[in-house]
Amino acid sequence: MTDMSEKSKITLWGKGIFLLYGLFVVFTLIIVIYASMQDFQLVERDYYQKELDFQSRIDEIKNTNELSEKPIWAINQIENVLTITFPESIMDKIISGDVLFYKASEARGDFKVKIAPDDSGLQFIPLEKLSKGLWKLKFHWNDDQRSYFLEGKFVIE
């Protein structure tokens, strides 16, 4: 009778190991399926090219830091607009440029606006198309001699 109880113990251990292995396989499959269904986005779509352009960006930031006045921005909650103020010293020299509205948590919401201030140096951007959260502004503009870059942040509540 001791032989039968030894056999049943071995059989019980075998079933336990098989059950444990089976649960491990099922758990692993669930994790793989869940991970494959997740939506992930790169922070920047063309980050390899941006890495190559890094030195030129450093030069643009240096040019911007040499300016006596820089663009400033403020949220006007009453009129629900973002107001960008371009100093007169910059406004007269801008040949082309744009402002990228960048939201790290939602890449699909990113968009660009051409720099086009009115005669007083103001540009208004409606806020209704912006979702709540932290936004980055990335100004990039050129004059007849140099390129400039300025980055800032604001929050929509």
Protein backbone atom coordinates (compact mmCIF):
# COMPACT_ATOMS: atom_id res chain seq x y z
CA MET A 1 0.00 0.00 0.00
CA THR A 2 2.84 2.34 0.50
CA ASP A 3 3.71 1.88 -3.18
CA MET A 4 0.27 3.18 -4.20
CA SER A 5 0.48 6.21 -1.97
CA GLU A 6 3.94 6.98 -3.41
CA LYS A 7 2.50 6.69 -6.94
CA SER A 8 -0.41 8.96 -6.11
CA LYS A 9 1.96 11.56 -4.63
CA ILE A 10 4.05 11.52 -7.81
CA THR A 11 0.90 11.77 -9.95
CA LEU A 12 -0.36 14.65 -7.79
CA TRP A 13 2.99 16.46 -8.14
CA GLY A 14 2.93 15.91 -11.90
CA LYS A 15 -0.57 17.34 -12.18
CA GLY A 16 0.42 20.32 -10.03
CA ILE A 17 3.48 21.08 -12.14
CA PHE A 18 1.44 20.74 -15.34
CA LEU A 19 -1.27 23.05 -13.93
CA LEU A 20 1.34 25.63 -12.82
CA TYR A 21 3.03 25.54 -16.25
CA GLY A 22 -0.36 25.88 -17.99
CA LEU A 23 -1.31 28.89 -15.85
CA PHE A 24 2.05 30.50 -16.62
CA VAL A 25 1.49 30.06 -20.38
CA VAL A 26 -2.06 31.48 -20.17
CA PHE A 27 -0.87 34.46 -18.08
CA THR A 28 1.95 35.15 -20.56
CA LEU A 29 -0.46 35.03 -23.51
CA ILE A 30 -2.82 37.45 -21.77
CA ILE A 31 0.03 39.91 -21.15
CA VAL A 32 1.24 39.66 -24.78
CA ILE A 33 -2.27 40.21 -26.16
CA TYR A 34 -2.89 43.16 -23.82
CA ALA A 35 0.47 44.75 -24.69
CA SER A 36 -0.12 44.37 -28.44
CA MET A 37 -3.47 46.17 -28.15
CA GLN A 38 -1.97 49.28 -26.47
CA ASP A 39 -1.73 52.50 -28.46
CA PHE A 40 1.76 53.95 -28.19
CA GLN A 41 3.13 56.95 -29.98
CA LEU A 42 6.60 58.26 -30.53
CA VAL A 43 7.14 61.65 -28.99
CA GLU A 44 8.24 62.92 -32.38
CA ARG A 45 7.55 61.10 -35.64
CA ASP A 46 10.84 62.10 -37.23
CA TYR A 47 13.10 61.96 -34.21
CA TYR A 48 16.10 60.60 -36.17
CA GLN A 49 16.12 63.68 -38.41
CA LYS A 50 15.61 65.94 -35.40
CA GLU A 51 18.69 64.42 -33.77
CA LEU A 52 20.74 65.27 -36.86
CA ASP A 53 19.45 68.86 -36.75
CA PHE A 54 20.42 69.25 -33.10
CA GLN A 55 23.47 71.49 -33.72
CA SER A 56 21.49 73.89 -35.86
CA ARG A 57 18.89 74.08 -33.07
CA ILE A 58 21.64 75.00 -30.60
CA ASP A 59 22.71 77.82 -32.92
CA GLU A 60 19.12 79.03 -33.25
CA ILE A 61 18.71 79.10 -29.45
CA LYS A 62 21.99 81.03 -29.15
CA ASN A 63 20.70 83.57 -31.69
CA THR A 64 17.46 83.92 -29.72
CA ASN A 65 19.32 84.42 -26.44
CA GLU A 66 21.24 87.29 -28.04
CA LEU A 67 18.00 89.19 -28.74
CA SER A 68 17.14 92.03 -26.38
CA GLU A 69 13.41 91.24 -26.62
CA LYS A 70 11.64 87.95 -27.28
CA PRO A 71 8.05 86.99 -28.08
CA ILE A 72 5.81 86.57 -25.04
CA TRP A 73 2.48 84.79 -24.69
CA ALA A 74 -0.47 84.90 -22.31
CA ILE A 75 -3.85 83.22 -22.05
CA ASN A 76 -6.87 85.52 -22.10
CA GLN A 77 -9.55 83.39 -20.44
CA ILE A 78 -12.29 85.97 -20.97
CA GLU A 79 -11.88 85.92 -24.76
CA ASN A 80 -10.64 82.29 -24.76
CA VAL A 81 -7.55 83.07 -26.85
CA LEU A 82 -3.79 82.75 -26.54
CA THR A 83 -2.19 86.11 -27.25
CA ILE A 84 1.35 86.16 -28.62
CA THR A 85 3.12 89.51 -28.52
CA PHE A 86 6.02 90.06 -30.91
CA PRO A 87 8.33 92.97 -30.00
CA GLU A 88 8.72 95.63 -32.64
CA SER A 89 12.45 94.87 -32.97
CA ILE A 90 11.60 91.30 -34.07
CA MET A 91 8.42 92.01 -35.99
CA ASP A 92 10.14 94.21 -38.56
CA LYS A 93 12.70 91.50 -39.37
CA ILE A 94 10.61 88.31 -39.52
CA ILE A 95 10.62 86.86 -43.02
CA SER A 96 8.96 83.55 -42.21
CA GLY A 97 8.17 81.42 -39.21
CA ASP A 98 5.71 79.26 -37.37
CA VAL A 99 4.63 78.24 -33.90
CA LEU A 100 4.21 74.56 -33.14
CA PHE A 101 1.64 73.69 -30.49
CA TYR A 102 2.95 70.46 -29.02
CA LYS A 103 1.26 68.21 -26.46
CA ALA A 104 3.44 65.28 -25.36
CA SER A 105 0.51 63.28 -24.02
CA GLU A 106 -1.52 63.56 -27.23
CA ALA A 107 0.54 63.71 -30.42
CA ARG A 108 -2.57 63.78 -32.62
CA GLY A 109 -3.42 67.21 -31.22
CA ASP A 110 -0.20 68.89 -32.39
CA PHE A 111 -0.54 71.65 -34.97
CA LYS A 112 1.36 74.58 -36.48
CA VAL A 113 0.35 78.19 -36.92
CA LYS A 114 2.17 80.59 -39.24
CA ILE A 115 3.62 83.63 -37.51
CA ALA A 116 1.41 86.47 -38.71
CA PRO A 117 1.18 89.31 -36.19
CA ASP A 118 -1.04 92.29 -36.82
CA ASP A 119 0.36 95.83 -37.10
CA SER A 120 0.64 96.15 -33.32
CA GLY A 121 2.66 92.91 -33.01
CA LEU A 122 -0.17 90.75 -31.64
CA GLN A 123 -1.32 87.38 -32.85
CA PHE A 124 -4.43 85.69 -31.43
CA ILE A 125 -4.95 81.93 -31.44
CA PRO A 126 -8.36 80.58 -30.36
CA LEU A 127 -8.19 78.07 -27.52
CA GLU A 128 -11.36 76.10 -28.27
CA LYS A 129 -9.50 73.54 -30.38
CA LEU A 130 -6.92 72.90 -27.63
CA SER A 131 -7.60 70.15 -25.11
CA LYS A 132 -6.92 70.61 -21.41
CA GLY A 133 -3.43 69.98 -20.12
CA LEU A 134 0.17 71.06 -20.57
CA TRP A 135 1.13 72.46 -23.97
CA LYS A 136 4.52 73.47 -25.34
CA LEU A 137 5.01 76.31 -27.79
CA LYS A 138 7.93 75.98 -30.18
CA PHE A 139 8.61 79.23 -32.02
CA HIS A 140 10.81 79.03 -35.11
CA TRP A 141 11.42 82.04 -37.32
CA ASN A 142 13.93 83.49 -39.77
CA ASP A 143 15.06 86.94 -40.68
CA ASP A 144 17.26 87.81 -43.64
CA GLN A 145 20.42 86.65 -41.79
CA ARG A 146 19.64 84.14 -39.05
CA SER A 147 17.24 81.52 -37.72
CA TYR A 148 15.74 81.64 -34.23
CA PHE A 149 14.09 79.18 -31.87
CA LEU A 150 12.20 79.76 -28.63
CA GLU A 151 10.31 77.25 -26.53
CA GLY A 152 7.76 77.80 -23.79
CA LYS A 153 4.87 76.21 -21.94
CA PHE A 154 1.32 76.97 -20.91
CA VAL A 155 -1.52 75.07 -19.29
CA ILE A 156 -5.17 74.90 -20.33
CA GLU A 157 -7.39 74.15 -17.35
